[in-house]
Amino acid sequence: VAEAVFTGGAARKLAAKGLAMGLSEAAAAEAAAGATIFTGEAGGVIQGVRQEVLGMSDEDLAKVPGIDALKAKYPDGKQLRLQLADQIGTVPAITEGVLALLVSKGTGALGLEAGNASPATRLLDIPKRGLTGMAKETLEETPQGYLGQVAQNTAMQEIDPTRDTNKGVAESVVQSIIGAMATGGPMGSVQATPSAIKET
């Protein structure tokens, strides 16, 4: 289930289906961008949970409630851990994907990533668009980074009730801000450049 839901191929299929149904290119692009955001954020949670569960010792794994019944179905150690990770991580991952999409829509970053942001009409507007893109990406990525880490911690609480919900949140937020500043500016500037050059 996790492989089918949280892969980027869904975005491409959604865009193609949207065009086939008669949606405008802008609407199809926004739908695809939304699917990419959802699968990226939800998939990030699943991958984080999988990494943690795969790193669990046999002793810790044996303490997980209901592990014997799951082990009867999946005797292989790695497969057992992957199934456990998907079992505890799917709901938090989907929740994170939906929240990330709402954040992206609310900040206007969805339109930016879909290539539908309003273009600049003058060369002097290019730096402004770059700063605007950086601001939108930062406003988007900061809460997404926080929510993603909280979702991962929430999933792990299913097998470790002592897990702090805020574990690793600060590091995740800092990484999100750095990533947003690195990508948001170029995204805004690239969108601004073609129309700005055309008008000169």
N, C-alpha and C. Protein backbone atom coordinates (compact mmCIF):
# COMPACT_ATOMS: atom_id res chain seq x y z
N VAL A 1 0.83 -1.20 0.00
CA VAL A 1 0.00 0.00 0.00
C VAL A 1 0.87 1.25 0.00
N ALA A 2 1.85 1.29 0.88
CA ALA A 2 2.70 2.47 0.98
C ALA A 2 3.41 2.76 -0.33
N GLU A 3 3.88 1.73 -1.01
CA GLU A 3 4.59 1.92 -2.27
C GLU A 3 3.67 2.54 -3.32
N ALA A 4 2.41 2.14 -3.30
CA ALA A 4 1.48 2.63 -4.31
C ALA A 4 1.03 4.06 -4.04
N VAL A 5 0.84 4.40 -2.77
CA VAL A 5 0.30 5.71 -2.41
C VAL A 5 1.35 6.80 -2.38
N PHE A 6 2.56 6.46 -1.92
CA PHE A 6 3.54 7.49 -1.64
C PHE A 6 4.67 7.57 -2.66
N THR A 7 4.36 7.33 -3.93
CA THR A 7 5.38 7.45 -4.96
C THR A 7 5.05 8.58 -5.90
N GLY A 8 6.07 9.23 -6.44
CA GLY A 8 5.89 10.39 -7.29
C GLY A 8 5.19 10.11 -8.60
N GLY A 9 5.11 8.84 -9.02
CA GLY A 9 4.45 8.52 -10.27
C GLY A 9 2.99 8.95 -10.29
N ALA A 10 2.39 9.06 -9.10
CA ALA A 10 1.00 9.49 -9.02
C ALA A 10 0.81 10.89 -9.57
N ALA A 11 1.80 11.75 -9.38
CA ALA A 11 1.70 13.12 -9.86
C ALA A 11 1.64 13.17 -11.38
N ARG A 12 2.51 12.41 -12.03
CA ARG A 12 2.52 12.40 -13.50
C ARG A 12 1.22 11.84 -14.05
N LYS A 13 0.71 10.78 -13.43
CA LYS A 13 -0.54 10.18 -13.89
C LYS A 13 -1.70 11.14 -13.71
N LEU A 14 -1.69 11.88 -12.59
CA LEU A 14 -2.77 12.82 -12.32
C LEU A 14 -2.77 13.95 -13.34
N ALA A 15 -1.60 14.46 -13.68
CA ALA A 15 -1.50 15.53 -14.66
C ALA A 15 -2.01 15.06 -16.02
N ALA A 16 -1.60 13.86 -16.43
CA ALA A 16 -2.03 13.33 -17.72
C ALA A 16 -3.54 13.11 -17.74
N LYS A 17 -4.09 12.61 -16.64
CA LYS A 17 -5.53 12.37 -16.58
C LYS A 17 -6.29 13.69 -16.61
N GLY A 18 -5.75 14.71 -15.92
CA GLY A 18 -6.39 16.02 -15.91
C GLY A 18 -6.47 16.62 -17.30
N LEU A 19 -5.40 16.52 -18.07
CA LEU A 19 -5.39 17.03 -19.43
C LEU A 19 -6.37 16.25 -20.31
N ALA A 20 -6.40 14.95 -20.09
CA ALA A 20 -7.30 14.11 -20.87
C ALA A 20 -8.77 14.43 -20.58
N MET A 21 -9.05 14.89 -19.36
CA MET A 21 -10.42 15.23 -18.97
C MET A 21 -10.79 16.65 -19.39
N GLY A 22 -9.85 17.35 -20.02
CA GLY A 22 -10.16 18.68 -20.51
C GLY A 22 -9.77 19.82 -19.59
N LEU A 23 -9.02 19.54 -18.54
CA LEU A 23 -8.56 20.61 -17.66
C LEU A 23 -7.54 21.47 -18.40
N SER A 24 -7.45 22.72 -17.99
CA SER A 24 -6.43 23.59 -18.58
C SER A 24 -5.06 23.12 -18.13
N GLU A 25 -4.04 23.55 -18.87
CA GLU A 25 -2.68 23.17 -18.50
C GLU A 25 -2.34 23.67 -17.10
N ALA A 26 -2.82 24.88 -16.76
CA ALA A 26 -2.54 25.45 -15.44
C ALA A 26 -3.18 24.60 -14.34
N ALA A 27 -4.45 24.19 -14.55
CA ALA A 27 -5.14 23.37 -13.56
C ALA A 27 -4.49 22.00 -13.41
N ALA A 28 -4.10 21.40 -14.55
CA ALA A 28 -3.45 20.10 -14.52
C ALA A 28 -2.10 20.19 -13.82
N ALA A 29 -1.38 21.30 -14.09
CA ALA A 29 -0.08 21.49 -13.46
C ALA A 29 -0.22 21.65 -11.95
N GLU A 30 -1.27 22.37 -11.52
CA GLU A 30 -1.48 22.55 -10.08
C GLU A 30 -1.88 21.24 -9.42
N ALA A 31 -2.69 20.44 -10.11
CA ALA A 31 -3.07 19.13 -9.57
C ALA A 31 -1.85 18.24 -9.42
N ALA A 32 -0.98 18.27 -10.43
CA ALA A 32 0.24 17.46 -10.38
C ALA A 32 1.17 17.95 -9.28
N ALA A 33 1.28 19.28 -9.12
CA ALA A 33 2.12 19.83 -8.06
C ALA A 33 1.59 19.43 -6.69
N GLY A 34 0.26 19.46 -6.56
CA GLY A 34 -0.35 19.05 -5.30
C GLY A 34 -0.08 17.58 -4.98
N ALA A 35 -0.17 16.74 -6.02
CA ALA A 35 0.11 15.31 -5.82
C ALA A 35 1.56 15.10 -5.45
N THR A 36 2.45 15.89 -6.06
CA THR A 36 3.88 15.78 -5.75
C THR A 36 4.16 16.16 -4.31
N ILE A 37 3.51 17.24 -3.86
CA ILE A 37 3.68 17.67 -2.47
C ILE A 37 3.17 16.60 -1.51
N PHE A 38 1.98 16.08 -1.80
CA PHE A 38 1.40 15.05 -0.93
C PHE A 38 2.30 13.82 -0.84
N THR A 39 2.68 13.30 -2.02
CA THR A 39 3.50 12.08 -2.02
C THR A 39 4.87 12.32 -1.42
N GLY A 40 5.42 13.52 -1.65
CA GLY A 40 6.74 13.82 -1.10
C GLY A 40 6.74 13.86 0.41
N GLU A 41 5.77 14.58 0.97
CA GLU A 41 5.71 14.73 2.42
C GLU A 41 5.28 13.43 3.11
N ALA A 42 4.25 12.78 2.56
CA ALA A 42 3.80 11.52 3.14
C ALA A 42 4.87 10.45 3.00
N GLY A 43 5.51 10.41 1.83
CA GLY A 43 6.58 9.44 1.61
C GLY A 43 7.75 9.67 2.52
N GLY A 44 8.03 10.95 2.83
CA GLY A 44 9.12 11.25 3.75
C GLY A 44 8.88 10.69 5.14
N VAL A 45 7.62 10.75 5.58
CA VAL A 45 7.27 10.20 6.89
C VAL A 45 7.45 8.69 6.89
N ILE A 46 6.92 8.04 5.84
CA ILE A 46 7.04 6.58 5.75
C ILE A 46 8.50 6.15 5.73
N GLN A 47 9.33 6.84 4.94
CA GLN A 47 10.74 6.48 4.85
C GLN A 47 11.44 6.68 6.18
N GLY A 48 11.09 7.74 6.88
CA GLY A 48 11.70 7.98 8.19
C GLY A 48 11.35 6.89 9.19
N VAL A 49 10.07 6.49 9.19
CA VAL A 49 9.63 5.42 10.08
C VAL A 49 10.31 4.10 9.72
N ARG A 50 10.39 3.83 8.42
CA ARG A 50 11.05 2.60 7.98
C ARG A 50 12.50 2.54 8.43
N GLN A 51 13.22 3.63 8.29
CA GLN A 51 14.63 3.66 8.69
C GLN A 51 14.78 3.37 10.18
N GLU A 52 13.88 3.96 10.97
CA GLU A 52 13.97 3.73 12.42
C GLU A 52 13.64 2.29 12.78
N VAL A 53 12.59 1.75 12.17
CA VAL A 53 12.18 0.38 12.50
C VAL A 53 13.21 -0.63 12.00
N LEU A 54 13.77 -0.37 10.82
CA LEU A 54 14.80 -1.27 10.30
C LEU A 54 16.03 -1.28 11.21
N GLY A 55 16.25 -0.20 11.93
CA GLY A 55 17.40 -0.13 12.83
C GLY A 55 17.15 -0.70 14.21
N MET A 56 15.94 -1.17 14.46
CA MET A 56 15.62 -1.73 15.78
C MET A 56 16.30 -3.08 15.98
N SER A 57 16.74 -3.32 17.20
CA SER A 57 17.34 -4.62 17.53
C SER A 57 16.25 -5.66 17.67
N ASP A 58 16.64 -6.93 17.59
CA ASP A 58 15.66 -8.01 17.76
C ASP A 58 15.01 -7.94 19.13
N GLU A 59 15.79 -7.54 20.13
CA GLU A 59 15.28 -7.45 21.50
C GLU A 59 14.18 -6.39 21.60
N ASP A 60 14.43 -5.22 21.01
CA ASP A 60 13.42 -4.16 21.04
C ASP A 60 12.21 -4.53 20.22
N LEU A 61 12.44 -5.20 19.10
CA LEU A 61 11.33 -5.60 18.24
C LEU A 61 10.42 -6.59 18.96
N ALA A 62 11.01 -7.45 19.76
CA ALA A 62 10.23 -8.46 20.48
C ALA A 62 9.29 -7.84 21.51
N LYS A 63 9.56 -6.60 21.91
CA LYS A 63 8.73 -5.92 22.92
C LYS A 63 7.52 -5.22 22.32
N VAL A 64 7.46 -5.15 20.99
CA VAL A 64 6.36 -4.44 20.33
C VAL A 64 5.06 -5.23 20.49
N PRO A 65 4.00 -4.59 20.96
CA PRO A 65 2.71 -5.30 21.13
C PRO A 65 2.21 -5.87 19.80
N GLY A 66 1.80 -7.14 19.83
CA GLY A 66 1.24 -7.78 18.65
C GLY A 66 2.27 -8.22 17.62
N ILE A 67 3.56 -8.16 17.97
CA ILE A 67 4.59 -8.48 16.99
C ILE A 67 4.59 -9.97 16.64
N ASP A 68 4.17 -10.83 17.56
CA ASP A 68 4.18 -12.28 17.29
C ASP A 68 3.22 -12.64 16.16
N ALA A 69 2.05 -12.00 16.15
CA ALA A 69 1.07 -12.28 15.10
C ALA A 69 1.61 -11.80 13.74
N LEU A 70 2.26 -10.66 13.74
CA LEU A 70 2.82 -10.13 12.49
C LEU A 70 4.00 -10.99 12.04
N LYS A 71 4.77 -11.49 13.01
CA LYS A 71 5.93 -12.31 12.69
C LYS A 71 5.51 -13.64 12.08
N ALA A 72 4.33 -14.13 12.46
CA ALA A 72 3.83 -15.39 11.90
C ALA A 72 3.57 -15.24 10.40
N LYS A 73 3.22 -14.02 9.98
CA LYS A 73 2.96 -13.77 8.56
C LYS A 73 4.24 -13.42 7.80
N TYR A 74 5.16 -12.78 8.51
CA TYR A 74 6.39 -12.31 7.87
C TYR A 74 7.59 -12.75 8.71
N PRO A 75 8.01 -14.00 8.56
CA PRO A 75 9.12 -14.51 9.37
C PRO A 75 10.46 -13.86 9.05
N ASP A 76 10.63 -13.34 7.83
CA ASP A 76 11.88 -12.68 7.47
C ASP A 76 12.01 -11.38 8.26
N GLY A 77 13.17 -11.18 8.88
CA GLY A 77 13.37 -10.03 9.75
C GLY A 77 13.16 -8.68 9.08
N LYS A 78 13.71 -8.51 7.89
CA LYS A 78 13.59 -7.24 7.19
C LYS A 78 12.16 -6.98 6.74
N GLN A 79 11.52 -8.00 6.18
CA GLN A 79 10.14 -7.85 5.72
C GLN A 79 9.22 -7.56 6.90
N LEU A 80 9.49 -8.21 8.02
CA LEU A 80 8.71 -7.99 9.23
C LEU A 80 8.80 -6.52 9.66
N ARG A 81 9.99 -5.98 9.65
CA ARG A 81 10.20 -4.59 10.06
C ARG A 81 9.52 -3.61 9.09
N LEU A 82 9.60 -3.91 7.79
CA LEU A 82 8.97 -3.04 6.80
C LEU A 82 7.45 -3.06 6.95
N GLN A 83 6.88 -4.23 7.19
CA GLN A 83 5.44 -4.32 7.38
C GLN A 83 5.00 -3.58 8.63
N LEU A 84 5.78 -3.70 9.68
CA LEU A 84 5.48 -2.99 10.93
C LEU A 84 5.55 -1.48 10.72
N ALA A 85 6.57 -1.04 10.01
CA ALA A 85 6.74 0.39 9.75
C ALA A 85 5.56 0.94 8.96
N ASP A 86 5.15 0.22 7.92
CA ASP A 86 4.02 0.68 7.11
C ASP A 86 2.72 0.65 7.91
N GLN A 87 2.60 -0.31 8.80
CA GLN A 87 1.40 -0.45 9.61
C GLN A 87 1.24 0.74 10.56
N ILE A 88 2.31 1.15 11.20
CA ILE A 88 2.22 2.25 12.16
C ILE A 88 2.39 3.63 11.50
N GLY A 89 2.95 3.63 10.30
CA GLY A 89 3.27 4.92 9.69
C GLY A 89 2.29 5.43 8.66
N THR A 90 1.40 4.58 8.14
CA THR A 90 0.54 4.99 7.04
C THR A 90 -0.42 6.12 7.40
N VAL A 91 -1.12 5.99 8.51
CA VAL A 91 -2.09 7.03 8.91
C VAL A 91 -1.39 8.37 9.20
N PRO A 92 -0.31 8.39 10.02
CA PRO A 92 0.39 9.66 10.22
C PRO A 92 0.95 10.24 8.91
N ALA A 93 1.38 9.37 7.99
CA ALA A 93 1.92 9.84 6.72
C ALA A 93 0.84 10.51 5.87
N ILE A 94 -0.32 9.88 5.79
CA ILE A 94 -1.41 10.47 5.02
C ILE A 94 -1.85 11.80 5.63
N THR A 95 -1.91 11.83 6.96
CA THR A 95 -2.27 13.07 7.65
C THR A 95 -1.29 14.18 7.32
N GLU A 96 0.00 13.85 7.35
CA GLU A 96 1.03 14.83 7.02
C GLU A 96 0.90 15.29 5.57
N GLY A 97 0.61 14.37 4.66
CA GLY A 97 0.45 14.74 3.25
C GLY A 97 -0.67 15.73 3.04
N VAL A 98 -1.80 15.49 3.70
CA VAL A 98 -2.95 16.39 3.57
C VAL A 98 -2.64 17.76 4.18
N LEU A 99 -2.05 17.76 5.37
CA LEU A 99 -1.71 19.03 6.03
C LEU A 99 -0.70 19.82 5.21
N ALA A 100 0.28 19.11 4.63
CA ALA A 100 1.30 19.78 3.81
C ALA A 100 0.66 20.43 2.59
N LEU A 101 -0.31 19.75 2.00
CA LEU A 101 -1.00 20.29 0.83
C LEU A 101 -1.79 21.54 1.21
N LEU A 102 -2.43 21.51 2.37
CA LEU A 102 -3.18 22.68 2.84
C LEU A 102 -2.26 23.86 3.11
N VAL A 103 -1.11 23.58 3.71
CA VAL A 103 -0.13 24.63 3.98
C VAL A 103 0.36 25.23 2.68
N SER A 104 0.67 24.38 1.72
CA SER A 104 1.17 24.84 0.44
C SER A 104 0.14 25.70 -0.29
N LYS A 105 -1.10 25.30 -0.24
CA LYS A 105 -2.17 26.07 -0.87
C LYS A 105 -2.35 27.41 -0.17
N GLY A 106 -2.29 27.38 1.15
CA GLY A 106 -2.49 28.60 1.92
C GLY A 106 -1.40 29.63 1.75
N THR A 107 -0.16 29.19 1.55
CA THR A 107 0.95 30.12 1.41
C THR A 107 1.15 30.60 -0.02
N GLY A 108 0.47 29.96 -0.98
CA GLY A 108 0.65 30.32 -2.38
C GLY A 108 1.80 29.58 -3.03
N ALA A 109 2.48 28.72 -2.27
CA ALA A 109 3.62 27.99 -2.82
C ALA A 109 3.18 26.93 -3.82
N LEU A 110 1.93 26.49 -3.72
CA LEU A 110 1.43 25.49 -4.66
C LEU A 110 1.45 26.04 -6.09
N GLY A 111 0.97 27.29 -6.25
CA GLY A 111 0.99 27.91 -7.55
C GLY A 111 2.40 28.13 -8.06
N LEU A 112 3.31 28.46 -7.14
CA LEU A 112 4.71 28.67 -7.51
C LEU A 112 5.31 27.38 -8.04
N GLU A 113 5.07 26.28 -7.36
CA GLU A 113 5.65 25.00 -7.77
C GLU A 113 4.99 24.46 -9.03
N ALA A 114 3.73 24.87 -9.27
CA ALA A 114 3.05 24.43 -10.48
C ALA A 114 3.42 25.28 -11.69
N GLY A 115 4.17 26.37 -11.44
CA GLY A 115 4.53 27.26 -12.53
C GLY A 115 3.43 28.22 -12.89
N ASN A 116 2.46 28.41 -11.97
CA ASN A 116 1.31 29.25 -12.26
C ASN A 116 1.35 30.59 -11.54
N ALA A 117 2.47 30.89 -10.86
CA ALA A 117 2.57 32.16 -10.17
C ALA A 117 2.58 33.29 -11.18
N SER A 118 2.05 34.45 -10.77
CA SER A 118 1.99 35.59 -11.70
C SER A 118 3.39 35.98 -12.12
N PRO A 119 3.62 36.17 -13.43
CA PRO A 119 4.96 36.47 -13.92
C PRO A 119 5.35 37.92 -13.74
N ALA A 120 6.64 38.18 -13.78
CA ALA A 120 7.12 39.56 -13.76
C ALA A 120 7.03 40.13 -15.16
N THR A 121 6.91 41.44 -15.27
CA THR A 121 6.83 42.06 -16.58
C THR A 121 8.03 42.95 -16.86
N ARG A 122 8.90 43.13 -15.90
CA ARG A 122 10.09 43.95 -16.09
C ARG A 122 11.29 43.22 -15.51
N LEU A 123 12.45 43.50 -16.09
CA LEU A 123 13.67 42.86 -15.59
C LEU A 123 13.91 43.20 -14.12
N LEU A 124 13.53 44.41 -13.70
CA LEU A 124 13.74 44.80 -12.32
C LEU A 124 12.88 43.99 -11.36
N ASP A 125 11.83 43.34 -11.90
CA ASP A 125 10.97 42.54 -11.04
C ASP A 125 11.55 41.16 -10.73
N ILE A 126 12.59 40.76 -11.46
CA ILE A 126 13.15 39.42 -11.27
C ILE A 126 13.67 39.21 -9.84
N PRO A 127 14.49 40.14 -9.30
CA PRO A 127 14.93 39.94 -7.91
C PRO A 127 13.76 39.92 -6.93
N LYS A 128 12.74 40.74 -7.20
CA LYS A 128 11.58 40.77 -6.32
C LYS A 128 10.86 39.43 -6.34
N ARG A 129 10.70 38.86 -7.53
CA ARG A 129 10.06 37.55 -7.63
C ARG A 129 10.89 36.48 -6.93
N GLY A 130 12.20 36.62 -7.01
CA GLY A 130 13.06 35.66 -6.33
C GLY A 130 12.86 35.71 -4.83
N LEU A 131 12.77 36.91 -4.27
CA LEU A 131 12.55 37.07 -2.84
C LEU A 131 11.16 36.57 -2.45
N THR A 132 10.18 36.84 -3.31
CA THR A 132 8.82 36.36 -3.04
C THR A 132 8.77 34.84 -3.03
N GLY A 133 9.45 34.24 -4.01
CA GLY A 133 9.50 32.78 -4.06
C GLY A 133 10.17 32.20 -2.83
N MET A 134 11.24 32.85 -2.39
CA MET A 134 11.95 32.38 -1.20
C MET A 134 11.05 32.47 0.03
N ALA A 135 10.30 33.58 0.13
CA ALA A 135 9.41 33.76 1.28
C ALA A 135 8.31 32.71 1.28
N LYS A 136 7.71 32.46 0.11
CA LYS A 136 6.64 31.47 0.03
C LYS A 136 7.14 30.07 0.36
N GLU A 137 8.30 29.72 -0.17
CA GLU A 137 8.85 28.39 0.10
C GLU A 137 9.19 28.22 1.57
N THR A 138 9.71 29.29 2.19
CA THR A 138 10.05 29.23 3.62
C THR A 138 8.79 29.07 4.45
N LEU A 139 7.75 29.84 4.12
CA LEU A 139 6.48 29.73 4.85
C LEU A 139 5.86 28.35 4.67
N GLU A 140 6.12 27.73 3.53
CA GLU A 140 5.58 26.40 3.27
C GLU A 140 6.40 25.32 3.97
N GLU A 141 7.71 25.36 3.75
CA GLU A 141 8.58 24.28 4.20
C GLU A 141 8.76 24.23 5.72
N THR A 142 8.71 25.38 6.40
CA THR A 142 8.93 25.40 7.85
C THR A 142 7.86 24.60 8.59
N PRO A 143 6.56 24.89 8.38
CA PRO A 143 5.56 24.06 9.06
C PRO A 143 5.53 22.63 8.56
N GLN A 144 5.84 22.42 7.28
CA GLN A 144 5.87 21.06 6.76
C GLN A 144 6.97 20.25 7.42
N GLY A 145 8.13 20.87 7.63
CA GLY A 145 9.22 20.18 8.30
C GLY A 145 8.85 19.80 9.73
N TYR A 146 8.19 20.74 10.40
CA TYR A 146 7.74 20.49 11.77
C TYR A 146 6.70 19.37 11.81
N LEU A 147 5.68 19.48 10.97
CA LEU A 147 4.60 18.49 10.97
C LEU A 147 5.09 17.11 10.55
N GLY A 148 6.04 17.08 9.61
CA GLY A 148 6.58 15.80 9.16
C GLY A 148 7.29 15.05 10.28
N GLN A 149 8.09 15.78 11.07
CA GLN A 149 8.81 15.14 12.17
C GLN A 149 7.84 14.71 13.27
N VAL A 150 6.84 15.54 13.54
CA VAL A 150 5.82 15.17 14.54
C VAL A 150 5.07 13.92 14.09
N ALA A 151 4.75 13.84 12.81
CA ALA A 151 4.05 12.66 12.28
C ALA A 151 4.89 11.40 12.45
N GLN A 152 6.19 11.53 12.19
CA GLN A 152 7.08 10.38 12.34
C GLN A 152 7.16 9.95 13.81
N ASN A 153 7.26 10.92 14.70
CA ASN A 153 7.30 10.61 16.14
C ASN A 153 6.00 9.98 16.61
N THR A 154 4.88 10.48 16.07
CA THR A 154 3.57 9.93 16.43
C THR A 154 3.48 8.46 16.02
N ALA A 155 3.99 8.15 14.83
CA ALA A 155 3.98 6.77 14.37
C ALA A 155 4.82 5.89 15.29
N MET A 156 6.00 6.37 15.66
CA MET A 156 6.89 5.58 16.50
C MET A 156 6.36 5.40 17.91
N GLN A 157 5.46 6.27 18.35
CA GLN A 157 4.85 6.11 19.68
C GLN A 157 4.00 4.85 19.77
N GLU A 158 3.61 4.32 18.61
CA GLU A 158 2.84 3.08 18.60
C GLU A 158 3.65 1.91 19.14
N ILE A 159 4.96 1.98 18.95
CA ILE A 159 5.82 0.89 19.44
C ILE A 159 6.75 1.36 20.56
N ASP A 160 6.78 2.68 20.79
CA ASP A 160 7.60 3.24 21.87
C ASP A 160 6.83 4.40 22.50
N PRO A 161 5.96 4.10 23.48
CA PRO A 161 5.12 5.13 24.10
C PRO A 161 5.92 6.25 24.76
N THR A 162 7.20 6.02 25.02
CA THR A 162 8.01 7.05 25.68
C THR A 162 8.57 8.07 24.68
N ARG A 163 8.35 7.85 23.40
CA ARG A 163 8.89 8.75 22.38
C ARG A 163 8.32 10.16 22.54
N ASP A 164 9.21 11.14 22.61
CA ASP A 164 8.80 12.54 22.69
C ASP A 164 8.28 12.99 21.33
N THR A 165 7.10 13.58 21.31
CA THR A 165 6.50 14.03 20.05
C THR A 165 7.38 15.06 19.34
N ASN A 166 8.14 15.83 20.10
CA ASN A 166 8.96 16.89 19.53
C ASN A 166 10.41 16.48 19.27
N LYS A 167 10.70 15.18 19.35
CA LYS A 167 12.07 14.73 19.12
C LYS A 167 12.51 15.06 17.69
N GLY A 168 13.65 15.73 17.58
CA GLY A 168 14.22 16.04 16.27
C GLY A 168 13.52 17.15 15.51
N VAL A 169 12.53 17.80 16.13
CA VAL A 169 11.76 18.82 15.44
C VAL A 169 12.62 20.02 15.06
N ALA A 170 13.44 20.48 15.99
CA ALA A 170 14.27 21.66 15.73
C ALA A 170 15.19 21.45 14.53
N GLU A 171 15.84 20.29 14.49
CA GLU A 171 16.74 19.99 13.37
C GLU A 171 15.98 19.93 12.05
N SER A 172 14.78 19.33 12.09
CA SER A 172 13.99 19.22 10.87
C SER A 172 13.56 20.59 10.35
N VAL A 173 13.18 21.48 11.26
CA VAL A 173 12.74 22.83 10.86
C VAL A 173 13.91 23.60 10.26
N VAL A 174 15.08 23.51 10.88
CA VAL A 174 16.26 24.21 10.35
C VAL A 174 16.60 23.72 8.95
N GLN A 175 16.57 22.41 8.75
CA GLN A 175 16.85 21.85 7.42
C GLN A 175 15.82 22.31 6.40
N SER A 176 14.57 22.42 6.82
CA SER A 176 13.51 22.86 5.92
C SER A 176 13.72 24.31 5.50
N ILE A 177 14.11 25.15 6.44
CA ILE A 177 14.34 26.57 6.14
C ILE A 177 15.51 26.71 5.18
N ILE A 178 16.57 25.99 5.43
CA ILE A 178 17.74 26.07 4.54
C ILE A 178 17.37 25.62 3.13
N GLY A 179 16.62 24.52 3.04
CA GLY A 179 16.21 24.01 1.73
C GLY A 179 15.29 24.98 1.01
N ALA A 180 14.38 25.61 1.77
CA ALA A 180 13.45 26.57 1.16
C ALA A 180 14.17 27.79 0.63
N MET A 181 15.13 28.29 1.37
CA MET A 181 15.88 29.47 0.94
C MET A 181 16.73 29.16 -0.29
N ALA A 182 17.19 27.91 -0.38
CA ALA A 182 18.04 27.53 -1.51
C ALA A 182 17.24 27.34 -2.79
N THR A 183 15.97 26.91 -2.67
CA THR A 183 15.17 26.62 -3.87
C THR A 183 14.14 27.68 -4.20
N GLY A 184 13.59 28.35 -3.19
CA GLY A 184 12.52 29.31 -3.42
C GLY A 184 12.93 30.48 -4.28
N GLY A 185 14.11 31.05 -4.00
CA GLY A 185 14.58 32.19 -4.79
C GLY A 185 14.76 31.87 -6.26
N PRO A 186 15.50 30.81 -6.58
CA PRO A 186 15.67 30.43 -7.99
C PRO A 186 14.35 30.12 -8.68
N MET A 187 13.41 29.47 -7.98
CA MET A 187 12.12 29.15 -8.59
C MET A 187 11.38 30.42 -9.00
N GLY A 188 11.34 31.40 -8.09
CA GLY A 188 10.64 32.64 -8.40
C GLY A 188 11.32 33.40 -9.52
N SER A 189 12.64 33.43 -9.51
CA SER A 189 13.38 34.17 -10.53
C SER A 189 13.23 33.53 -11.89
N VAL A 190 13.28 32.21 -11.96
CA VAL A 190 13.15 31.50 -13.24
C VAL A 190 11.80 31.76 -13.85
N GLN A 191 10.74 31.78 -13.03
CA GLN A 191 9.41 32.05 -13.56
C GLN A 191 9.30 33.49 -14.05
N ALA A 192 10.01 34.39 -13.41
CA ALA A 192 9.92 35.80 -13.78
C ALA A 192 10.67 36.10 -15.06
N THR A 193 11.77 35.43 -15.30
CA THR A 193 12.68 35.81 -16.39
C THR A 193 12.09 35.78 -17.78
N PRO A 194 11.38 34.72 -18.21
CA PRO A 194 10.92 34.70 -19.61
C PRO A 194 10.03 35.88 -19.98
N SER A 195 9.03 36.18 -19.12
CA SER A 195 8.13 37.28 -19.46
C SER A 195 8.82 38.61 -19.34
N ALA A 196 9.76 38.73 -18.43
CA ALA A 196 10.47 39.99 -18.25
C ALA A 196 11.32 40.29 -19.48
N ILE A 197 11.96 39.29 -19.99
CA ILE A 197 12.80 39.47 -21.20
C ILE A 197 11.92 39.78 -22.39
N LYS A 198 10.76 39.11 -22.46
CA LYS A 198 9.85 39.31 -23.59
C LYS A 198 9.36 40.75 -23.66
N GLU A 199 9.17 41.36 -22.48
CA GLU A 199 8.63 42.71 -22.44
C GLU A 199 9.66 43.77 -22.71
N THR A 200 10.98 43.41 -22.70
CA THR A 200 12.02 44.41 -22.90
C THR A 200 12.32 44.60 -24.39
